[in-house]
Amino acid sequence: MVKVDACVLQTLPGLERLGLSLFEGKTMRQLGRGQEDDEGNDIGGFFVVADGGAAVIFNDPKVASRWASNKNQVNIEIAPSLAYVDSGHSSVSLLMVD
């Protein structure tokens, strides 16, 4: 996985109107070559959607992480996958918000 400049979002339809300053200093994680999903499909080059949302909605990625980590912001009955957040620790990739 590599980090790329979040301005790549401007290539998506509808986001080209957003100012470049919105993405300044923000990054997104992009999956590397050879990475596969559970079914064996190549997903290299795909982006982490949560990083894109954080880049567009929040000024500071740490604020996005704190917001997502707040269990009052996540309805696990409607969207259980949103209950998992980046732990920020090198040996733990995701934490379950409970």
Protein backbone atom coordinates (compact mmCIF):
# COMPACT_ATOMS: atom_id res chain seq x y z
CA MET A 1 0.00 0.00 0.00
CA VAL A 2 1.27 3.44 -0.90
CA LYS A 3 0.11 6.93 -0.01
CA VAL A 4 -0.76 9.23 -2.90
CA ASP A 5 -1.83 12.86 -3.04
CA ALA A 6 -5.59 13.19 -2.48
CA CYS A 7 -5.86 15.52 -5.49
CA VAL A 8 -6.37 12.35 -7.58
CA LEU A 9 -10.00 12.65 -6.45
CA GLN A 10 -10.39 15.59 -8.84
CA THR A 11 -10.33 13.12 -11.73
CA LEU A 12 -13.70 11.71 -10.61
CA PRO A 13 -16.91 13.11 -12.13
CA GLY A 14 -18.39 15.83 -9.96
CA LEU A 15 -15.25 16.31 -7.89
CA GLU A 16 -13.37 18.21 -10.58
CA ARG A 17 -15.15 21.36 -9.39
CA LEU A 18 -13.59 21.16 -5.95
CA GLY A 19 -10.67 23.47 -5.46
CA LEU A 20 -7.18 22.04 -5.35
CA SER A 21 -6.66 23.73 -1.97
CA LEU A 22 -9.24 21.34 -0.46
CA PHE A 23 -6.83 18.45 -1.04
CA GLU A 24 -3.63 20.25 -0.09
CA GLY A 25 -1.55 18.19 2.33
CA LYS A 26 -3.98 15.26 2.31
CA THR A 27 -3.17 11.74 1.19
CA MET A 28 -5.02 8.56 0.31
CA ARG A 29 -3.91 4.96 0.57
CA GLN A 30 -3.72 3.09 -2.72
CA LEU A 31 -3.47 -0.69 -2.82
CA GLY A 32 -0.29 -2.01 -4.38
CA ARG A 33 0.27 -4.44 -7.23
CA GLY A 34 -0.60 -8.03 -6.57
CA GLN A 35 -3.10 -7.36 -3.79
CA GLU A 36 -6.24 -9.46 -4.05
CA ASP A 37 -9.64 -9.48 -2.42
CA ASP A 38 -11.14 -12.54 -0.69
CA GLU A 39 -12.27 -13.93 -4.05
CA GLY A 40 -8.85 -13.63 -5.66
CA ASN A 41 -9.63 -10.57 -7.81
CA ASP A 42 -6.76 -8.18 -8.40
CA ILE A 43 -7.48 -4.95 -6.54
CA GLY A 44 -4.09 -3.31 -7.05
CA GLY A 45 -4.48 0.39 -7.80
CA PHE A 46 -7.76 0.72 -5.89
CA PHE A 47 -8.09 3.43 -3.26
CA VAL A 48 -9.30 3.25 0.34
CA VAL A 49 -12.74 4.86 0.18
CA ALA A 50 -12.61 6.10 3.77
CA ASP A 51 -9.51 8.14 2.92
CA GLY A 52 -11.36 9.81 0.06
CA GLY A 53 -14.27 10.70 2.33
CA ALA A 54 -11.91 12.07 4.95
CA ALA A 55 -10.11 14.19 2.33
CA VAL A 56 -13.34 15.76 1.06
CA ILE A 57 -15.28 16.15 4.31
CA PHE A 58 -12.63 16.93 6.94
CA ASN A 59 -9.85 19.51 7.06
CA ASP A 60 -7.70 17.31 9.29
CA PRO A 61 -7.44 13.50 8.89
CA LYS A 62 -7.09 13.13 12.67
CA VAL A 63 -10.49 14.77 13.12
CA ALA A 64 -11.95 12.25 10.64
CA SER A 65 -10.46 9.40 12.63
CA ARG A 66 -11.82 10.77 15.92
CA TRP A 67 -15.26 11.24 14.36
CA ALA A 68 -15.30 7.70 12.99
CA SER A 69 -14.05 6.32 16.30
CA ASN A 70 -16.98 7.88 18.15
CA LYS A 71 -19.42 4.97 18.55
CA ASN A 72 -22.32 7.44 18.58
CA GLN A 73 -21.56 8.26 14.92
CA VAL A 74 -21.86 4.65 13.72
CA ASN A 75 -25.08 2.67 13.47
CA ILE A 76 -23.75 -0.88 13.24
CA GLU A 77 -27.21 -2.25 12.43
CA ILE A 78 -27.36 -0.23 9.21
CA ALA A 79 -23.69 -0.25 8.22
CA PRO A 80 -21.63 -2.73 10.24
CA SER A 81 -18.50 -2.15 8.13
CA LEU A 82 -18.35 1.43 9.39
CA ALA A 83 -17.69 0.11 12.87
CA TYR A 84 -14.11 -0.65 11.84
CA VAL A 85 -11.63 2.22 11.92
CA ASP A 86 -7.93 2.57 11.26
CA SER A 87 -6.18 1.98 14.54
CA GLY A 88 -3.20 4.20 13.74
CA HIS A 89 -0.91 1.53 15.19
CA SER A 90 1.65 -0.21 12.97
CA SER A 91 0.78 -3.74 14.13
CA VAL A 92 -3.03 -3.41 14.21
CA SER A 93 -4.82 -2.42 11.02
CA LEU A 94 -8.43 -2.09 12.19
CA LEU A 95 -10.26 -1.66 15.48
CA MET A 96 -13.90 -2.50 16.08
CA VAL A 97 -15.83 0.36 17.61
CA ASP A 98 -18.02 -1.04 20.37
